[in-house]
Amino acid sequence: MSYPEQVYWGEAGEVSARFRPADSAPELGERGVDAHDYLATTATTRGEFGLYHVEMRPRGGGPKTHFHKTISESFYILEGTVRLFDGERWVDAHKGDFLHVPQGGLHAFRNDSDAHAEMLLLFTPGAPREEYFEQVGKLANATQEEREAFFAKHDSYFVE
């Protein structure tokens, strides 16, 4: 394994780091239950990754088993119990637990508990997941063809 290709070509470094205090308003998205707080979007990370803070209401469920062809997805549990599917089995994940799913890896997550849960989602390389999160809830009246096109556009392939 080697380092990735060089991206920065300057000789002295640059002032480009971005600090975001915990009490600041989200740049995109919103805070609250069943919301995705976009901590670092593909745009802000120059396509390297997307990092999202997810809050899940009690018994809030989650997506069915799926995989991605172009992005990996990682889960880090901050609070509560999140059920994670690693392609073989469901596990109850708690604060500090972590799951990494490479491209092609089957996975799912849900909150089946009676308590609020929070986690960080990391997608790499970066992908425009914001549109996915904001639009997926509006598919209730979509045709099967529209749903398939939406999920393909957003690299989400669900299995039965």
C-alpha atoms as a PDB file:
ATOM      1  CA  MET A   1       0.000   0.000   0.000  1.00  0.00           C
ATOM      2  CA  SER A   2       1.346   3.423  -0.874  1.00  0.00           C
ATOM      3  CA  TYR A   3       0.347   7.010  -0.326  1.00  0.00           C
ATOM      4  CA  PRO A   4      -2.227   8.470  -2.744  1.00  0.00           C
ATOM      5  CA  GLU A   5      -1.241  10.753  -5.600  1.00  0.00           C
ATOM      6  CA  GLN A   6      -0.012  14.193  -4.639  1.00  0.00           C
ATOM      7  CA  VAL A   7      -2.734  16.856  -4.578  1.00  0.00           C
ATOM      8  CA  TYR A   8      -1.003  19.892  -3.101  1.00  0.00           C
ATOM      9  CA  TRP A   9       1.966  21.231  -5.062  1.00  0.00           C
ATOM     10  CA  GLY A  10       2.979  24.280  -3.019  1.00  0.00           C
ATOM     11  CA  GLU A  11       6.205  24.472  -1.024  1.00  0.00           C
ATOM     12  CA  ALA A  12       5.125  26.346   2.134  1.00  0.00           C
ATOM     13  CA  GLY A  13       1.698  25.007   2.992  1.00  0.00           C
ATOM     14  CA  GLU A  14      -1.434  27.119   3.107  1.00  0.00           C
ATOM     15  CA  VAL A  15      -4.056  28.327   5.546  1.00  0.00           C
ATOM     16  CA  SER A  16      -7.023  26.203   4.530  1.00  0.00           C
ATOM     17  CA  ALA A  17      -8.186  24.285   7.622  1.00  0.00           C
ATOM     18  CA  ARG A  18     -11.803  24.829   8.680  1.00  0.00           C
ATOM     19  CA  PHE A  19     -12.865  24.717  12.326  1.00  0.00           C
ATOM     20  CA  ARG A  20     -16.542  24.236  13.092  1.00  0.00           C
ATOM     21  CA  PRO A  21     -17.554  24.733  16.753  1.00  0.00           C
ATOM     22  CA  ALA A  22     -20.129  22.266  18.090  1.00  0.00           C
ATOM     23  CA  ASP A  23     -22.727  24.996  18.647  1.00  0.00           C
ATOM     24  CA  SER A  24     -22.597  26.368  15.103  1.00  0.00           C
ATOM     25  CA  ALA A  25     -25.540  25.918  12.756  1.00  0.00           C
ATOM     26  CA  PRO A  26     -25.105  23.260  10.066  1.00  0.00           C
ATOM     27  CA  GLU A  27     -23.870  24.514   6.703  1.00  0.00           C
ATOM     28  CA  LEU A  28     -26.446  22.284   5.046  1.00  0.00           C
ATOM     29  CA  GLY A  29     -29.084  19.978   6.438  1.00  0.00           C
ATOM     30  CA  GLU A  30     -30.446  20.394   9.917  1.00  0.00           C
ATOM     31  CA  ARG A  31     -30.028  19.156  13.443  1.00  0.00           C
ATOM     32  CA  GLY A  32     -32.647  17.093  15.161  1.00  0.00           C
ATOM     33  CA  VAL A  33     -34.129  13.646  15.239  1.00  0.00           C
ATOM     34  CA  ASP A  34     -34.175  11.862  11.882  1.00  0.00           C
ATOM     35  CA  ALA A  35     -31.955  14.598  10.484  1.00  0.00           C
ATOM     36  CA  HIS A  36     -28.560  14.546   8.825  1.00  0.00           C
ATOM     37  CA  ASP A  37     -26.184  17.273   9.940  1.00  0.00           C
ATOM     38  CA  TYR A  38     -23.631  17.638   7.152  1.00  0.00           C
ATOM     39  CA  LEU A  39     -20.367  18.092   9.021  1.00  0.00           C
ATOM     40  CA  ALA A  40     -18.151  17.848   5.939  1.00  0.00           C
ATOM     41  CA  THR A  41     -19.578  17.609   2.456  1.00  0.00           C
ATOM     42  CA  THR A  42     -17.841  16.479  -0.692  1.00  0.00           C
ATOM     43  CA  ALA A  43     -17.616  20.152  -1.682  1.00  0.00           C
ATOM     44  CA  THR A  44     -15.869  21.189   1.539  1.00  0.00           C
ATOM     45  CA  THR A  45     -13.414  18.249   1.448  1.00  0.00           C
ATOM     46  CA  ARG A  46     -12.529  18.588  -2.241  1.00  0.00           C
ATOM     47  CA  GLY A  47     -14.123  15.229  -2.964  1.00  0.00           C
ATOM     48  CA  GLU A  48     -12.118  13.271  -0.404  1.00  0.00           C
ATOM     49  CA  PHE A  49     -14.976  12.278   1.913  1.00  0.00           C
ATOM     50  CA  GLY A  50     -18.380  13.161   3.322  1.00  0.00           C
ATOM     51  CA  LEU A  51     -19.014  13.112   7.091  1.00  0.00           C
ATOM     52  CA  TYR A  52     -22.549  13.226   8.475  1.00  0.00           C
ATOM     53  CA  HIS A  53     -23.987  13.307  11.998  1.00  0.00           C
ATOM     54  CA  VAL A  54     -27.193  11.249  12.087  1.00  0.00           C
ATOM     55  CA  GLU A  55     -29.783  11.343  14.867  1.00  0.00           C
ATOM     56  CA  MET A  56     -32.359   8.559  14.923  1.00  0.00           C
ATOM     57  CA  ARG A  57     -35.629   8.572  16.848  1.00  0.00           C
ATOM     58  CA  PRO A  58     -36.623   5.576  18.967  1.00  0.00           C
ATOM     59  CA  ARG A  59     -37.894   2.698  16.819  1.00  0.00           C
ATOM     60  CA  GLY A  60     -37.006   4.819  13.785  1.00  0.00           C
ATOM     61  CA  GLY A  61     -35.995   1.934  11.583  1.00  0.00           C
ATOM     62  CA  GLY A  62     -33.507   2.437   8.776  1.00  0.00           C
ATOM     63  CA  PRO A  63     -32.673   1.417   5.210  1.00  0.00           C
ATOM     64  CA  LYS A  64     -32.889  -2.164   3.993  1.00  0.00           C
ATOM     65  CA  THR A  65     -29.818  -4.183   3.051  1.00  0.00           C
ATOM     66  CA  HIS A  66     -27.900  -2.510   0.249  1.00  0.00           C
ATOM     67  CA  PHE A  67     -24.439  -1.913  -1.197  1.00  0.00           C
ATOM     68  CA  HIS A  68     -22.534   0.815  -3.023  1.00  0.00           C
ATOM     69  CA  LYS A  69     -20.336   0.309  -6.080  1.00  0.00           C
ATOM     70  CA  THR A  70     -18.239   3.485  -5.835  1.00  0.00           C
ATOM     71  CA  ILE A  71     -18.150   4.528  -2.178  1.00  0.00           C
ATOM     72  CA  SER A  72     -17.321   2.927   1.134  1.00  0.00           C
ATOM     73  CA  GLU A  73     -19.418   3.689   4.202  1.00  0.00           C
ATOM     74  CA  SER A  74     -18.319   3.724   7.831  1.00  0.00           C
ATOM     75  CA  PHE A  75     -20.413   3.975  10.990  1.00  0.00           C
ATOM     76  CA  TYR A  76     -19.260   5.269  14.384  1.00  0.00           C
ATOM     77  CA  ILE A  77     -21.827   5.104  17.189  1.00  0.00           C
ATOM     78  CA  LEU A  78     -22.004   8.179  19.419  1.00  0.00           C
ATOM     79  CA  GLU A  79     -25.045   7.419  21.575  1.00  0.00           C
ATOM     80  CA  GLY A  80     -27.709   4.761  22.027  1.00  0.00           C
ATOM     81  CA  THR A  81     -27.951   1.425  20.251  1.00  0.00           C
ATOM     82  CA  VAL A  82     -27.858   1.138  16.470  1.00  0.00           C
ATOM     83  CA  ARG A  83     -28.423  -2.241  14.850  1.00  0.00           C
ATOM     84  CA  LEU A  84     -25.828  -2.758  12.139  1.00  0.00           C
ATOM     85  CA  PHE A  85     -25.867  -5.453   9.472  1.00  0.00           C
ATOM     86  CA  ASP A  86     -22.393  -6.452   8.267  1.00  0.00           C
ATOM     87  CA  GLY A  87     -23.543  -8.643   5.400  1.00  0.00           C
ATOM     88  CA  GLU A  88     -23.750 -11.771   7.561  1.00  0.00           C
ATOM     89  CA  ARG A  89     -25.382 -10.827  10.840  1.00  0.00           C
ATOM     90  CA  TRP A  90     -27.047  -8.027  12.776  1.00  0.00           C
ATOM     91  CA  VAL A  91     -25.178  -6.651  15.785  1.00  0.00           C
ATOM     92  CA  ASP A  92     -26.267  -4.182  18.447  1.00  0.00           C
ATOM     93  CA  ALA A  93     -23.680  -1.412  18.229  1.00  0.00           C
ATOM     94  CA  HIS A  94     -23.138   0.974  21.150  1.00  0.00           C
ATOM     95  CA  LYS A  95     -21.146   4.122  21.897  1.00  0.00           C
ATOM     96  CA  GLY A  96     -17.658   3.781  20.462  1.00  0.00           C
ATOM     97  CA  ASP A  97     -18.450   0.837  18.162  1.00  0.00           C
ATOM     98  CA  PHE A  98     -17.333   1.147  14.541  1.00  0.00           C
ATOM     99  CA  LEU A  99     -18.187  -0.618  11.276  1.00  0.00           C
ATOM    100  CA  HIS A 100     -16.420  -0.068   7.952  1.00  0.00           C
ATOM    101  CA  VAL A 101     -18.088  -1.317   4.760  1.00  0.00           C
ATOM    102  CA  PRO A 102     -15.946  -1.279   1.598  1.00  0.00           C
ATOM    103  CA  GLN A 103     -17.391  -0.833  -1.884  1.00  0.00           C
ATOM    104  CA  GLY A 104     -19.675  -3.760  -2.693  1.00  0.00           C
ATOM    105  CA  GLY A 105     -20.180  -4.712   0.959  1.00  0.00           C
ATOM    106  CA  LEU A 106     -23.730  -5.572   1.996  1.00  0.00           C
ATOM    107  CA  HIS A 107     -24.924  -3.541   4.958  1.00  0.00           C
ATOM    108  CA  ALA A 108     -27.893  -1.924   6.673  1.00  0.00           C
ATOM    109  CA  PHE A 109     -28.609  -0.002   9.861  1.00  0.00           C
ATOM    110  CA  ARG A 110     -31.603   0.816  12.013  1.00  0.00           C
ATOM    111  CA  ASN A 111     -32.718   2.003  15.398  1.00  0.00           C
ATOM    112  CA  ASP A 112     -34.964  -0.706  16.845  1.00  0.00           C
ATOM    113  CA  SER A 113     -34.476   0.449  20.425  1.00  0.00           C
ATOM    114  CA  ASP A 114     -36.807   2.507  22.594  1.00  0.00           C
ATOM    115  CA  ALA A 115     -34.166   5.242  22.882  1.00  0.00           C
ATOM    116  CA  HIS A 116     -32.686   7.991  20.732  1.00  0.00           C
ATOM    117  CA  ALA A 117     -29.465   7.044  18.887  1.00  0.00           C
ATOM    118  CA  GLU A 118     -26.723   9.056  17.197  1.00  0.00           C
ATOM    119  CA  MET A 119     -23.901   8.094  14.870  1.00  0.00           C
ATOM    120  CA  LEU A 120     -21.383   9.463  12.424  1.00  0.00           C
ATOM    121  CA  LEU A 121     -21.517   8.279   8.804  1.00  0.00           C
ATOM    122  CA  LEU A 122     -18.393   8.575   6.693  1.00  0.00           C
ATOM    123  CA  PHE A 123     -18.468   8.122   2.919  1.00  0.00           C
ATOM    124  CA  THR A 124     -15.234   7.906   0.971  1.00  0.00           C
ATOM    125  CA  PRO A 125     -14.387   9.051  -1.550  1.00  0.00           C
ATOM    126  CA  GLY A 126     -16.739  11.964  -1.310  1.00  0.00           C
ATOM    127  CA  ALA A 127     -20.060  11.731  -3.121  1.00  0.00           C
ATOM    128  CA  PRO A 128     -23.015  14.146  -3.262  1.00  0.00           C
ATOM    129  CA  ARG A 129     -25.006  12.273  -0.590  1.00  0.00           C
ATOM    130  CA  GLU A 130     -26.805  15.433   0.518  1.00  0.00           C
ATOM    131  CA  GLU A 131     -29.255  15.202  -2.389  1.00  0.00           C
ATOM    132  CA  TYR A 132     -29.864  11.545  -1.564  1.00  0.00           C
ATOM    133  CA  PHE A 133     -30.667  12.259   2.096  1.00  0.00           C
ATOM    134  CA  GLU A 134     -32.913  15.193   1.234  1.00  0.00           C
ATOM    135  CA  GLN A 135     -34.855  13.460  -1.543  1.00  0.00           C
ATOM    136  CA  VAL A 136     -35.150   9.798  -0.500  1.00  0.00           C
ATOM    137  CA  GLY A 137     -38.131  10.533   1.752  1.00  0.00           C
ATOM    138  CA  LYS A 138     -40.043  11.943  -1.213  1.00  0.00           C
ATOM    139  CA  LEU A 139     -40.107   8.681  -3.181  1.00  0.00           C
ATOM    140  CA  ALA A 140     -43.399   7.420  -1.721  1.00  0.00           C
ATOM    141  CA  ASN A 141     -45.359   8.332  -4.854  1.00  0.00           C
ATOM    142  CA  ALA A 142     -42.578   7.600  -7.344  1.00  0.00           C
ATOM    143  CA  THR A 143     -42.924   4.887  -9.950  1.00  0.00           C
ATOM    144  CA  GLN A 144     -40.691   1.818  -9.745  1.00  0.00           C
ATOM    145  CA  GLU A 145     -38.676   3.180 -12.683  1.00  0.00           C
ATOM    146  CA  GLU A 146     -38.215   6.551 -10.952  1.00  0.00           C
ATOM    147  CA  ARG A 147     -37.109   4.825  -7.743  1.00  0.00           C
ATOM    148  CA  GLU A 148     -34.605   2.623  -9.587  1.00  0.00           C
ATOM    149  CA  ALA A 149     -33.181   5.632 -11.447  1.00  0.00           C
ATOM    150  CA  PHE A 150     -32.877   7.632  -8.205  1.00  0.00           C
ATOM    151  CA  PHE A 151     -31.080   4.836  -6.372  1.00  0.00           C
ATOM    152  CA  ALA A 152     -28.752   4.122  -9.320  1.00  0.00           C
ATOM    153  CA  LYS A 153     -27.888   7.837  -9.555  1.00  0.00           C
ATOM    154  CA  HIS A 154     -26.951   7.748  -5.874  1.00  0.00           C
ATOM    155  CA  ASP A 155     -25.002   4.472  -5.960  1.00  0.00           C
ATOM    156  CA  SER A 156     -27.465   2.626  -3.719  1.00  0.00           C
ATOM    157  CA  TYR A 157     -28.356  -0.918  -4.711  1.00  0.00           C
ATOM    158  CA  PHE A 158     -30.907  -2.639  -2.487  1.00  0.00           C
ATOM    159  CA  VAL A 159     -31.220  -6.407  -2.198  1.00  0.00           C
ATOM    160  CA  GLU A 160     -34.312  -8.371  -1.194  1.00  0.00           C
END
